[in-house]
Amino acid sequence: MEITQRTIDEKTCVISLSGTLNARSADQVKDAFREIVGEGIRQVVLDLGDVPFIDSSGLAALVSGLKTLNEKEGSLKLASLQSQADLLFKLTMFDKVFEIFPDVDAALQTFAS
């Protein structure tokens, strides 16, 4: 799993994941969320455009990230889901828990300036 971060401003960033989000990579993703919250970031767009597969452990990592940000009155938005991830979120009804956007720019536009 490759994780990259692009800072938008002092409280907003885009995290891009590349690779399979599963039991092997879930802890890396959780650590990334904890790290950015520790840096004062409160608004995160998670770009999943290069994530072809998410399993239950990966989903748990995303829920953990959402919880971490919510505890600091932040927010997590998901963008660019591939077909398997999109189906997973609909089947588990997590599409009602997470804000999901077609692309990163659409998600970023929803943050209050």
PDB file of N, CA and C in Angstrom:
ATOM      1  N   MET A   1       0.845  -1.181   0.000  1.00  0.00           N
ATOM      2  CA  MET A   1       0.000   0.000   0.000  1.00  0.00           C
ATOM      3  C   MET A   1       0.885   1.237   0.000  1.00  0.00           C
ATOM      4  N   GLU A   2       0.630   2.114  -0.945  1.00  0.00           N
ATOM      5  CA  GLU A   2       1.336   3.391  -0.994  1.00  0.00           C
ATOM      6  C   GLU A   2       0.372   4.474  -0.523  1.00  0.00           C
ATOM      7  N   ILE A   3       0.834   5.305   0.407  1.00  0.00           N
ATOM      8  CA  ILE A   3       0.012   6.379   0.960  1.00  0.00           C
ATOM      9  C   ILE A   3       0.722   7.698   0.726  1.00  0.00           C
ATOM     10  N   THR A   4       0.055   8.611   0.054  1.00  0.00           N
ATOM     11  CA  THR A   4       0.631   9.937  -0.162  1.00  0.00           C
ATOM     12  C   THR A   4      -0.327  10.980   0.380  1.00  0.00           C
ATOM     13  N   GLN A   5       0.232  12.093   0.797  1.00  0.00           N
ATOM     14  CA  GLN A   5      -0.552  13.167   1.395  1.00  0.00           C
ATOM     15  C   GLN A   5      -0.261  14.474   0.677  1.00  0.00           C
ATOM     16  N   ARG A   6      -1.326  15.205   0.368  1.00  0.00           N
ATOM     17  CA  ARG A   6      -1.182  16.528  -0.249  1.00  0.00           C
ATOM     18  C   ARG A   6      -1.928  17.520   0.639  1.00  0.00           C
ATOM     19  N   THR A   7      -1.197  18.481   1.182  1.00  0.00           N
ATOM     20  CA  THR A   7      -1.797  19.485   2.054  1.00  0.00           C
ATOM     21  C   THR A   7      -2.461  20.562   1.209  1.00  0.00           C
ATOM     22  N   ILE A   8      -3.700  20.880   1.565  1.00  0.00           N
ATOM     23  CA  ILE A   8      -4.458  21.923   0.876  1.00  0.00           C
ATOM     24  C   ILE A   8      -4.318  23.245   1.632  1.00  0.00           C
ATOM     25  N   ASP A   9      -4.526  23.187   2.942  1.00  0.00           N
ATOM     26  CA  ASP A   9      -4.299  24.334   3.815  1.00  0.00           C
ATOM     27  C   ASP A   9      -3.982  23.795   5.211  1.00  0.00           C
ATOM     28  N   GLU A  10      -3.942  24.680   6.215  1.00  0.00           N
ATOM     29  CA  GLU A  10      -3.492  24.250   7.541  1.00  0.00           C
ATOM     30  C   GLU A  10      -4.378  23.205   8.203  1.00  0.00           C
ATOM     31  N   LYS A  11      -5.619  23.044   7.731  1.00  0.00           N
ATOM     32  CA  LYS A  11      -6.498  22.054   8.351  1.00  0.00           C
ATOM     33  C   LYS A  11      -7.074  21.030   7.370  1.00  0.00           C
ATOM     34  N   THR A  12      -6.654  21.084   6.113  1.00  0.00           N
ATOM     35  CA  THR A  12      -7.229  20.214   5.084  1.00  0.00           C
ATOM     36  C   THR A  12      -6.138  19.501   4.294  1.00  0.00           C
ATOM     37  N   CYS A  13      -6.363  18.209   4.031  1.00  0.00           N
ATOM     38  CA  CYS A  13      -5.438  17.478   3.174  1.00  0.00           C
ATOM     39  C   CYS A  13      -6.165  16.407   2.384  1.00  0.00           C
ATOM     40  N   VAL A  14      -5.493  15.951   1.344  1.00  0.00           N
ATOM     41  CA  VAL A  14      -5.962  14.825   0.541  1.00  0.00           C
ATOM     42  C   VAL A  14      -4.981  13.689   0.780  1.00  0.00           C
ATOM     43  N   ILE A  15      -5.505  12.541   1.169  1.00  0.00           N
ATOM     44  CA  ILE A  15      -4.699  11.339   1.312  1.00  0.00           C
ATOM     45  C   ILE A  15      -5.063  10.436   0.146  1.00  0.00           C
ATOM     46  N   SER A  16      -4.056  10.028  -0.607  1.00  0.00           N
ATOM     47  CA  SER A  16      -4.277   9.127  -1.743  1.00  0.00           C
ATOM     48  C   SER A  16      -3.709   7.759  -1.403  1.00  0.00           C
ATOM     49  N   LEU A  17      -4.524   6.744  -1.602  1.00  0.00           N
ATOM     50  CA  LEU A  17      -4.088   5.369  -1.377  1.00  0.00           C
ATOM     51  C   LEU A  17      -3.904   4.695  -2.729  1.00  0.00           C
ATOM     52  N   SER A  18      -2.920   3.820  -2.799  1.00  0.00           N
ATOM     53  CA  SER A  18      -2.682   3.057  -4.017  1.00  0.00           C
ATOM     54  C   SER A  18      -2.367   1.622  -3.633  1.00  0.00           C
ATOM     55  N   GLY A  19      -3.206   0.707  -4.088  1.00  0.00           N
ATOM     56  CA  GLY A  19      -3.028  -0.703  -3.763  1.00  0.00           C
ATOM     57  C   GLY A  19      -4.261  -1.255  -3.075  1.00  0.00           C
ATOM     58  N   THR A  20      -4.163  -2.494  -2.659  1.00  0.00           N
ATOM     59  CA  THR A  20      -5.269  -3.180  -2.004  1.00  0.00           C
ATOM     60  C   THR A  20      -5.355  -2.761  -0.542  1.00  0.00           C
ATOM     61  N   LEU A  21      -6.568  -2.403  -0.114  1.00  0.00           N
ATOM     62  CA  LEU A  21      -6.794  -2.033   1.291  1.00  0.00           C
ATOM     63  C   LEU A  21      -7.367  -3.259   1.992  1.00  0.00           C
ATOM     64  N   ASN A  22      -6.470  -3.983   2.676  1.00  0.00           N
ATOM     65  CA  ASN A  22      -6.862  -5.235   3.315  1.00  0.00           C
ATOM     66  C   ASN A  22      -6.170  -5.359   4.680  1.00  0.00           C
ATOM     67  N   ALA A  23      -6.184  -6.572   5.232  1.00  0.00           N
ATOM     68  CA  ALA A  23      -5.606  -6.790   6.563  1.00  0.00           C
ATOM     69  C   ALA A  23      -4.131  -6.396   6.623  1.00  0.00           C
ATOM     70  N   ARG A  24      -3.402  -6.568   5.526  1.00  0.00           N
ATOM     71  CA  ARG A  24      -1.978  -6.227   5.512  1.00  0.00           C
ATOM     72  C   ARG A  24      -1.733  -4.718   5.537  1.00  0.00           C
ATOM     73  N   SER A  25      -2.617  -3.951   4.936  1.00  0.00           N
ATOM     74  CA  SER A  25      -2.393  -2.506   4.823  1.00  0.00           C
ATOM     75  C   SER A  25      -3.255  -1.669   5.760  1.00  0.00           C
ATOM     76  N   ALA A  26      -4.201  -2.283   6.434  1.00  0.00           N
ATOM     77  CA  ALA A  26      -5.144  -1.538   7.278  1.00  0.00           C
ATOM     78  C   ALA A  26      -4.438  -0.737   8.377  1.00  0.00           C
ATOM     79  N   ASP A  27      -3.438  -1.331   9.017  1.00  0.00           N
ATOM     80  CA  ASP A  27      -2.739  -0.621  10.093  1.00  0.00           C
ATOM     81  C   ASP A  27      -1.992   0.606   9.571  1.00  0.00           C
ATOM     82  N   GLN A  28      -1.443   0.514   8.352  1.00  0.00           N
ATOM     83  CA  GLN A  28      -0.770   1.669   7.749  1.00  0.00           C
ATOM     84  C   GLN A  28      -1.756   2.829   7.593  1.00  0.00           C
ATOM     85  N   VAL A  29      -2.956   2.508   7.154  1.00  0.00           N
ATOM     86  CA  VAL A  29      -3.971   3.538   6.921  1.00  0.00           C
ATOM     87  C   VAL A  29      -4.405   4.145   8.262  1.00  0.00           C
ATOM     88  N   LYS A  30      -4.622   3.316   9.258  1.00  0.00           N
ATOM     89  CA  LYS A  30      -4.983   3.829  10.587  1.00  0.00           C
ATOM     90  C   LYS A  30      -3.891   4.761  11.114  1.00  0.00           C
ATOM     91  N   ASP A  31      -2.633   4.344  10.956  1.00  0.00           N
ATOM     92  CA  ASP A  31      -1.507   5.169  11.407  1.00  0.00           C
ATOM     93  C   ASP A  31      -1.483   6.514  10.672  1.00  0.00           C
ATOM     94  N   ALA A  32      -1.788   6.492   9.385  1.00  0.00           N
ATOM     95  CA  ALA A  32      -1.806   7.735   8.595  1.00  0.00           C
ATOM     96  C   ALA A  32      -2.853   8.697   9.139  1.00  0.00           C
ATOM     97  N   PHE A  33      -4.022   8.172   9.489  1.00  0.00           N
ATOM     98  CA  PHE A  33      -5.063   9.035  10.062  1.00  0.00           C
ATOM     99  C   PHE A  33      -4.616   9.629  11.394  1.00  0.00           C
ATOM    100  N   ARG A  34      -4.049   8.803  12.258  1.00  0.00           N
ATOM    101  CA  ARG A  34      -3.583   9.298  13.564  1.00  0.00           C
ATOM    102  C   ARG A  34      -2.506  10.364  13.389  1.00  0.00           C
ATOM    103  N   GLU A  35      -1.619  10.147  12.443  1.00  0.00           N
ATOM    104  CA  GLU A  35      -0.526  11.086  12.202  1.00  0.00           C
ATOM    105  C   GLU A  35      -1.044  12.450  11.739  1.00  0.00           C
ATOM    106  N   ILE A  36      -1.953  12.452  10.782  1.00  0.00           N
ATOM    107  CA  ILE A  36      -2.437  13.750  10.278  1.00  0.00           C
ATOM    108  C   ILE A  36      -3.275  14.483  11.308  1.00  0.00           C
ATOM    109  N   VAL A  37      -4.031  13.742  12.115  1.00  0.00           N
ATOM    110  CA  VAL A  37      -4.795  14.393  13.179  1.00  0.00           C
ATOM    111  C   VAL A  37      -3.832  15.000  14.196  1.00  0.00           C
ATOM    112  N   GLY A  38      -2.745  14.320  14.470  1.00  0.00           N
ATOM    113  CA  GLY A  38      -1.715  14.847  15.363  1.00  0.00           C
ATOM    114  C   GLY A  38      -1.064  16.112  14.828  1.00  0.00           C
ATOM    115  N   GLU A  39      -1.081  16.276  13.507  1.00  0.00           N
ATOM    116  CA  GLU A  39      -0.521  17.473  12.878  1.00  0.00           C
ATOM    117  C   GLU A  39      -1.529  18.627  12.823  1.00  0.00           C
ATOM    118  N   GLY A  40      -2.747  18.394  13.303  1.00  0.00           N
ATOM    119  CA  GLY A  40      -3.755  19.455  13.313  1.00  0.00           C
ATOM    120  C   GLY A  40      -4.708  19.434  12.130  1.00  0.00           C
ATOM    121  N   ILE A  41      -4.563  18.462  11.240  1.00  0.00           N
ATOM    122  CA  ILE A  41      -5.480  18.345  10.106  1.00  0.00           C
ATOM    123  C   ILE A  41      -6.837  17.868  10.622  1.00  0.00           C
ATOM    124  N   ARG A  42      -7.896  18.509  10.148  1.00  0.00           N
ATOM    125  CA  ARG A  42      -9.250  18.137  10.588  1.00  0.00           C
ATOM    126  C   ARG A  42     -10.188  17.800   9.433  1.00  0.00           C
ATOM    127  N   GLN A  43      -9.821  18.152   8.217  1.00  0.00           N
ATOM    128  CA  GLN A  43     -10.650  17.888   7.046  1.00  0.00           C
ATOM    129  C   GLN A  43      -9.839  17.044   6.070  1.00  0.00           C
ATOM    130  N   VAL A  44     -10.321  15.839   5.808  1.00  0.00           N
ATOM    131  CA  VAL A  44      -9.571  14.908   4.969  1.00  0.00           C
ATOM    132  C   VAL A  44     -10.443  14.388   3.842  1.00  0.00           C
ATOM    133  N   VAL A  45      -9.869  14.414   2.647  1.00  0.00           N
ATOM    134  CA  VAL A  45     -10.465  13.711   1.510  1.00  0.00           C
ATOM    135  C   VAL A  45      -9.567  12.514   1.253  1.00  0.00           C
ATOM    136  N   LEU A  46     -10.172  11.343   1.251  1.00  0.00           N
ATOM    137  CA  LEU A  46      -9.435  10.111   0.993  1.00  0.00           C
ATOM    138  C   LEU A  46      -9.692   9.700  -0.455  1.00  0.00           C
ATOM    139  N   ASP A  47      -8.651   9.784  -1.272  1.00  0.00           N
ATOM    140  CA  ASP A  47      -8.747   9.440  -2.692  1.00  0.00           C
ATOM    141  C   ASP A  47      -8.513   7.938  -2.845  1.00  0.00           C
ATOM    142  N   LEU A  48      -9.570   7.238  -3.250  1.00  0.00           N
ATOM    143  CA  LEU A  48      -9.502   5.784  -3.405  1.00  0.00           C
ATOM    144  C   LEU A  48      -9.471   5.363  -4.874  1.00  0.00           C
ATOM    145  N   GLY A  49      -9.114   6.281  -5.752  1.00  0.00           N
ATOM    146  CA  GLY A  49      -9.102   6.009  -7.184  1.00  0.00           C
ATOM    147  C   GLY A  49      -8.142   4.910  -7.615  1.00  0.00           C
ATOM    148  N   ASP A  50      -7.096   4.664  -6.818  1.00  0.00           N
ATOM    149  CA  ASP A  50      -6.119   3.621  -7.151  1.00  0.00           C
ATOM    150  C   ASP A  50      -6.197   2.438  -6.195  1.00  0.00           C
ATOM    151  N   VAL A  51      -7.394   2.235  -5.622  1.00  0.00           N
ATOM    152  CA  VAL A  51      -7.613   1.109  -4.716  1.00  0.00           C
ATOM    153  C   VAL A  51      -8.632   0.170  -5.363  1.00  0.00           C
ATOM    154  N   PRO A  52      -8.142  -0.919  -5.979  1.00  0.00           N
ATOM    155  CA  PRO A  52      -9.054  -1.811  -6.692  1.00  0.00           C
ATOM    156  C   PRO A  52      -9.872  -2.728  -5.790  1.00  0.00           C
ATOM    157  N   PHE A  53      -9.417  -2.918  -4.526  1.00  0.00           N
ATOM    158  CA  PHE A  53     -10.099  -3.872  -3.649  1.00  0.00           C
ATOM    159  C   PHE A  53      -9.994  -3.421  -2.194  1.00  0.00           C
ATOM    160  N   ILE A  54     -11.117  -3.514  -1.485  1.00  0.00           N
ATOM    161  CA  ILE A  54     -11.176  -3.242  -0.048  1.00  0.00           C
ATOM    162  C   ILE A  54     -11.864  -4.431   0.607  1.00  0.00           C
ATOM    163  N   ASP A  55     -11.244  -4.988   1.664  1.00  0.00           N
ATOM    164  CA  ASP A  55     -11.901  -6.066   2.406  1.00  0.00           C
ATOM    165  C   ASP A  55     -12.418  -5.524   3.739  1.00  0.00           C
ATOM    166  N   SER A  56     -12.903  -6.404   4.592  1.00  0.00           N
ATOM    167  CA  SER A  56     -13.504  -5.969   5.859  1.00  0.00           C
ATOM    168  C   SER A  56     -12.491  -5.269   6.765  1.00  0.00           C
ATOM    169  N   SER A  57     -11.246  -5.703   6.748  1.00  0.00           N
ATOM    170  CA  SER A  57     -10.209  -5.038   7.550  1.00  0.00           C
ATOM    171  C   SER A  57      -9.947  -3.633   7.032  1.00  0.00           C
ATOM    172  N   GLY A  58      -9.953  -3.481   5.721  1.00  0.00           N
ATOM    173  CA  GLY A  58      -9.795  -2.163   5.120  1.00  0.00           C
ATOM    174  C   GLY A  58     -10.949  -1.249   5.469  1.00  0.00           C
ATOM    175  N   LEU A  59     -12.147  -1.797   5.433  1.00  0.00           N
ATOM    176  CA  LEU A  59     -13.331  -1.032   5.800  1.00  0.00           C
ATOM    177  C   LEU A  59     -13.242  -0.591   7.259  1.00  0.00           C
ATOM    178  N   ALA A  60     -12.770  -1.489   8.124  1.00  0.00           N
ATOM    179  CA  ALA A  60     -12.594  -1.154   9.545  1.00  0.00           C
ATOM    180  C   ALA A  60     -11.582  -0.024   9.720  1.00  0.00           C
ATOM    181  N   ALA A  61     -10.534  -0.015   8.892  1.00  0.00           N
ATOM    182  CA  ALA A  61      -9.529   1.060   8.963  1.00  0.00           C
ATOM    183  C   ALA A  61     -10.160   2.398   8.591  1.00  0.00           C
ATOM    184  N   LEU A  62     -11.039   2.403   7.606  1.00  0.00           N
ATOM    185  CA  LEU A  62     -11.718   3.641   7.211  1.00  0.00           C
ATOM    186  C   LEU A  62     -12.662   4.117   8.304  1.00  0.00           C
ATOM    187  N   VAL A  63     -13.362   3.188   8.932  1.00  0.00           N
ATOM    188  CA  VAL A  63     -14.242   3.547  10.056  1.00  0.00           C
ATOM    189  C   VAL A  63     -13.412   4.120  11.199  1.00  0.00           C
ATOM    190  N   SER A  64     -12.260   3.524  11.457  1.00  0.00           N
ATOM    191  CA  SER A  64     -11.356   4.025  12.492  1.00  0.00           C
ATOM    192  C   SER A  64     -10.914   5.455  12.173  1.00  0.00           C
ATOM    193  N   GLY A  65     -10.579   5.714  10.902  1.00  0.00           N
ATOM    194  CA  GLY A  65     -10.193   7.060  10.492  1.00  0.00           C
ATOM    195  C   GLY A  65     -11.322   8.057  10.667  1.00  0.00           C
ATOM    196  N   LEU A  66     -12.530   7.633  10.324  1.00  0.00           N
ATOM    197  CA  LEU A  66     -13.706   8.489  10.499  1.00  0.00           C
ATOM    198  C   LEU A  66     -13.903   8.822  11.974  1.00  0.00           C
ATOM    199  N   LYS A  67     -13.770   7.811  12.824  1.00  0.00           N
ATOM    200  CA  LYS A  67     -13.927   8.009  14.272  1.00  0.00           C
ATOM    201  C   LYS A  67     -12.842   8.938  14.817  1.00  0.00           C
ATOM    202  N   THR A  68     -11.596   8.728  14.389  1.00  0.00           N
ATOM    203  CA  THR A  68     -10.481   9.558  14.836  1.00  0.00           C
ATOM    204  C   THR A  68     -10.735  11.027  14.500  1.00  0.00           C
ATOM    205  N   LEU A  69     -11.181  11.279  13.277  1.00  0.00           N
ATOM    206  CA  LEU A  69     -11.454  12.660  12.859  1.00  0.00           C
ATOM    207  C   LEU A  69     -12.682  13.225  13.564  1.00  0.00           C
ATOM    208  N   ASN A  70     -13.728  12.421  13.714  1.00  0.00           N
ATOM    209  CA  ASN A  70     -14.941  12.899  14.386  1.00  0.00           C
ATOM    210  C   ASN A  70     -14.664  13.285  15.834  1.00  0.00           C
ATOM    211  N   GLU A  71     -13.758  12.563  16.495  1.00  0.00           N
ATOM    212  CA  GLU A  71     -13.413  12.881  17.885  1.00  0.00           C
ATOM    213  C   GLU A  71     -12.765  14.254  18.000  1.00  0.00           C
ATOM    214  N   LYS A  72     -12.161  14.739  16.921  1.00  0.00           N
ATOM    215  CA  LYS A  72     -11.534  16.059  16.900  1.00  0.00           C
ATOM    216  C   LYS A  72     -12.392  17.076  16.143  1.00  0.00           C
ATOM    217  N   GLU A  73     -13.686  16.741  16.000  1.00  0.00           N
ATOM    218  CA  GLU A  73     -14.641  17.591  15.285  1.00  0.00           C
ATOM    219  C   GLU A  73     -14.211  17.835  13.841  1.00  0.00           C
ATOM    220  N   GLY A  74     -13.597  16.817  13.264  1.00  0.00           N
ATOM    221  CA  GLY A  74     -13.185  16.882  11.867  1.00  0.00           C
ATOM    222  C   GLY A  74     -14.128  16.099  10.982  1.00  0.00           C
ATOM    223  N   SER A  75     -13.728  15.939   9.729  1.00  0.00           N
ATOM    224  CA  SER A  75     -14.556  15.156   8.817  1.00  0.00           C
ATOM    225  C   SER A  75     -13.699  14.436   7.789  1.00  0.00           C
ATOM    226  N   LEU A  76     -14.228  13.303   7.348  1.00  0.00           N
ATOM    227  CA  LEU A  76     -13.580  12.465   6.358  1.00  0.00           C
ATOM    228  C   LEU A  76     -14.544  12.268   5.198  1.00  0.00           C
ATOM    229  N   LYS A  77     -14.062  12.551   3.992  1.00  0.00           N
ATOM    230  CA  LYS A  77     -14.861  12.360   2.787  1.00  0.00           C
ATOM    231  C   LYS A  77     -14.099  11.428   1.864  1.00  0.00           C
ATOM    232  N   LEU A  78     -14.818  10.519   1.226  1.00  0.00           N
ATOM    233  CA  LEU A  78     -14.212   9.561   0.318  1.00  0.00           C
ATOM    234  C   LEU A  78     -14.450  10.000  -1.116  1.00  0.00           C
ATOM    235  N   ALA A  79     -13.463   9.740  -1.972  1.00  0.00           N
ATOM    236  CA  ALA A  79     -13.592  10.149  -3.371  1.00  0.00           C
ATOM    237  C   ALA A  79     -13.062   9.071  -4.307  1.00  0.00           C
ATOM    238  N   SER A  80     -13.639   9.032  -5.491  1.00  0.00           N
ATOM    239  CA  SER A  80     -13.146   8.219  -6.619  1.00  0.00           C
ATOM    240  C   SER A  80     -13.150   6.722  -6.338  1.00  0.00           C
ATOM    241  N   LEU A  81     -14.225   6.208  -5.741  1.00  0.00           N
ATOM    242  CA  LEU A  81     -14.293   4.782  -5.468  1.00  0.00           C
ATOM    243  C   LEU A  81     -14.359   3.975  -6.756  1.00  0.00           C
ATOM    244  N   GLN A  82     -13.578   2.904  -6.804  1.00  0.00           N
ATOM    245  CA  GLN A  82     -13.669   1.968  -7.923  1.00  0.00           C
ATOM    246  C   GLN A  82     -14.890   1.075  -7.714  1.00  0.00           C
ATOM    247  N   SER A  83     -15.235   0.287  -8.701  1.00  0.00           N
ATOM    248  CA  SER A  83     -16.493  -0.458  -8.682  1.00  0.00           C
ATOM    249  C   SER A  83     -16.626  -1.418  -7.496  1.00  0.00           C
ATOM    250  N   GLN A  84     -15.561  -2.155  -7.138  1.00  0.00           N
ATOM    251  CA  GLN A  84     -15.669  -3.091  -6.016  1.00  0.00           C
ATOM    252  C   GLN A  84     -15.921  -2.349  -4.715  1.00  0.00           C
ATOM    253  N   ALA A  85     -15.194  -1.263  -4.498  1.00  0.00           N
ATOM    254  CA  ALA A  85     -15.372  -0.483  -3.272  1.00  0.00           C
ATOM    255  C   ALA A  85     -16.757   0.144  -3.232  1.00  0.00           C
ATOM    256  N   ASP A  86     -17.210   0.659  -4.354  1.00  0.00           N
ATOM    257  CA  ASP A  86     -18.536   1.258  -4.425  1.00  0.00           C
ATOM    258  C   ASP A  86     -19.604   0.226  -4.059  1.00  0.00           C
ATOM    259  N   LEU A  87     -19.496  -0.968  -4.600  1.00  0.00           N
ATOM    260  CA  LEU A  87     -20.442  -2.038  -4.292  1.00  0.00           C
ATOM    261  C   LEU A  87     -20.365  -2.425  -2.820  1.00  0.00           C
ATOM    262  N   LEU A  88     -19.147  -2.535  -2.287  1.00  0.00           N
ATOM    263  CA  LEU A  88     -18.960  -2.879  -0.868  1.00  0.00           C
ATOM    264  C   LEU A  88     -19.661  -1.861   0.030  1.00  0.00           C
ATOM    265  N   PHE A  89     -19.481  -0.575  -0.264  1.00  0.00           N
ATOM    266  CA  PHE A  89     -20.096   0.460   0.560  1.00  0.00           C
ATOM    267  C   PHE A  89     -21.624   0.408   0.468  1.00  0.00           C
ATOM    268  N   LYS A  90     -22.152   0.096  -0.698  1.00  0.00           N
ATOM    269  CA  LYS A  90     -23.614   0.000  -0.843  1.00  0.00           C
ATOM    270  C   LYS A  90     -24.162  -1.230  -0.132  1.00  0.00           C
ATOM    271  N   LEU A  91     -23.494  -2.373  -0.281  1.00  0.00           N
ATOM    272  CA  LEU A  91     -23.963  -3.612   0.347  1.00  0.00           C
ATOM    273  C   LEU A  91     -23.924  -3.536   1.871  1.00  0.00           C
ATOM    274  N   THR A  92     -22.909  -2.888   2.407  1.00  0.00           N
ATOM    275  CA  THR A  92     -22.775  -2.777   3.861  1.00  0.00           C
ATOM    276  C   THR A  92     -23.522  -1.562   4.412  1.00  0.00           C
ATOM    277  N   MET A  93     -24.079  -0.770   3.504  1.00  0.00           N
ATOM    278  CA  MET A  93     -24.790   0.468   3.838  1.00  0.00           C
ATOM    279  C   MET A  93     -23.877   1.519   4.452  1.00  0.00           C
ATOM    280  N   PHE A  94     -22.568   1.358   4.267  1.00  0.00           N
ATOM    281  CA  PHE A  94     -21.627   2.372   4.718  1.00  0.00           C
ATOM    282  C   PHE A  94     -21.669   3.613   3.825  1.00  0.00           C
ATOM    283  N   ASP A  95     -22.374   3.502   2.700  1.00  0.00           N
ATOM    284  CA  ASP A  95     -22.566   4.702   1.878  1.00  0.00           C
ATOM    285  C   ASP A  95     -23.483   5.693   2.580  1.00  0.00           C
ATOM    286  N   LYS A  96     -24.149   5.247   3.654  1.00  0.00           N
ATOM    287  CA  LYS A  96     -24.969   6.136   4.477  1.00  0.00           C
ATOM    288  C   LYS A  96     -24.154   6.742   5.620  1.00  0.00           C
ATOM    289  N   VAL A  97     -22.992   6.141   5.913  1.00  0.00           N
ATOM    290  CA  VAL A  97     -22.128   6.587   7.007  1.00  0.00           C
ATOM    291  C   VAL A  97     -21.081   7.575   6.502  1.00  0.00           C
ATOM    292  N   PHE A  98     -20.509   7.268   5.349  1.00  0.00           N
ATOM    293  CA  PHE A  98     -19.464   8.096   4.754  1.00  0.00           C
ATOM    294  C   PHE A  98     -20.047   9.008   3.685  1.00  0.00           C
ATOM    295  N   GLU A  99     -19.472  10.189   3.565  1.00  0.00           N
ATOM    296  CA  GLU A  99     -19.794  11.064   2.442  1.00  0.00           C
ATOM    297  C   GLU A  99     -18.896  10.621   1.296  1.00  0.00           C
ATOM    298  N   ILE A 100     -19.511  10.270   0.168  1.00  0.00           N
ATOM    299  CA  ILE A 100     -18.773   9.739  -0.976  1.00  0.00           C
ATOM    300  C   ILE A 100     -18.986  10.655  -2.176  1.00  0.00           C
ATOM    301  N   PHE A 101     -17.891  10.977  -2.849  1.00  0.00           N
ATOM    302  CA  PHE A 101     -17.923  11.912  -3.974  1.00  0.00           C
ATOM    303  C   PHE A 101     -17.289  11.272  -5.204  1.00  0.00           C
ATOM    304  N   PRO A 102     -17.695  11.720  -6.391  1.00  0.00           N
ATOM    305  CA  PRO A 102     -17.154  11.133  -7.620  1.00  0.00           C
ATOM    306  C   PRO A 102     -15.667  11.425  -7.824  1.00  0.00           C
ATOM    307  N   ASP A 103     -15.183  12.548  -7.288  1.00  0.00           N
ATOM    308  CA  ASP A 103     -13.764  12.882  -7.432  1.00  0.00           C
ATOM    309  C   ASP A 103     -13.314  13.776  -6.282  1.00  0.00           C
ATOM    310  N   VAL A 104     -12.011  13.954  -6.182  1.00  0.00           N
ATOM    311  CA  VAL A 104     -11.411  14.723  -5.087  1.00  0.00           C
ATOM    312  C   VAL A 104     -11.897  16.174  -5.096  1.00  0.00           C
ATOM    313  N   ASP A 105     -11.927  16.789  -6.261  1.00  0.00           N
ATOM    314  CA  ASP A 105     -12.333  18.196  -6.348  1.00  0.00           C
ATOM    315  C   ASP A 105     -13.749  18.413  -5.824  1.00  0.00           C
ATOM    316  N   ALA A 106     -14.656  17.505  -6.158  1.00  0.00           N
ATOM    317  CA  ALA A 106     -16.043  17.623  -5.678  1.00  0.00           C
ATOM    318  C   ALA A 106     -16.083  17.536  -4.154  1.00  0.00           C
ATOM    319  N   ALA A 107     -15.284  16.657  -3.568  1.00  0.00           N
ATOM    320  CA  ALA A 107     -15.234  16.526  -2.107  1.00  0.00           C
ATOM    321  C   ALA A 107     -14.643  17.774  -1.467  1.00  0.00           C
ATOM    322  N   LEU A 108     -13.559  18.281  -2.031  1.00  0.00           N
ATOM    323  CA  LEU A 108     -12.912  19.462  -1.466  1.00  0.00           C
ATOM    324  C   LEU A 108     -13.840  20.674  -1.474  1.00  0.00           C
ATOM    325  N   GLN A 109     -14.675  20.791  -2.485  1.00  0.00           N
ATOM    326  CA  GLN A 109     -15.577  21.936  -2.591  1.00  0.00           C
ATOM    327  C   GLN A 109     -16.619  21.977  -1.482  1.00  0.00           C
ATOM    328  N   THR A 110     -16.843  20.852  -0.814  1.00  0.00           N
ATOM    329  CA  THR A 110     -17.868  20.812   0.243  1.00  0.00           C
ATOM    330  C   THR A 110     -17.357  21.299   1.583  1.00  0.00           C
ATOM    331  N   PHE A 111     -16.042  21.451   1.720  1.00  0.00           N
ATOM    332  CA  PHE A 111     -15.507  21.963   2.980  1.00  0.00           C
ATOM    333  C   PHE A 111     -15.735  23.470   3.045  1.00  0.00           C
ATOM    334  N   ALA A 112     -16.189  23.934   4.208  1.00  0.00           N
ATOM    335  CA  ALA A 112     -16.398  25.378   4.405  1.00  0.00           C
ATOM    336  C   ALA A 112     -15.044  26.074   4.403  1.00  0.00           C
ATOM    337  N   SER A 113     -14.978  27.193   3.762  1.00  0.00           N
ATOM    338  CA  SER A 113     -13.709  27.951   3.692  1.00  0.00           C
ATOM    339  C   SER A 113     -13.437  28.677   4.980  1.00  0.00           C
TER     340      SER A 113
END
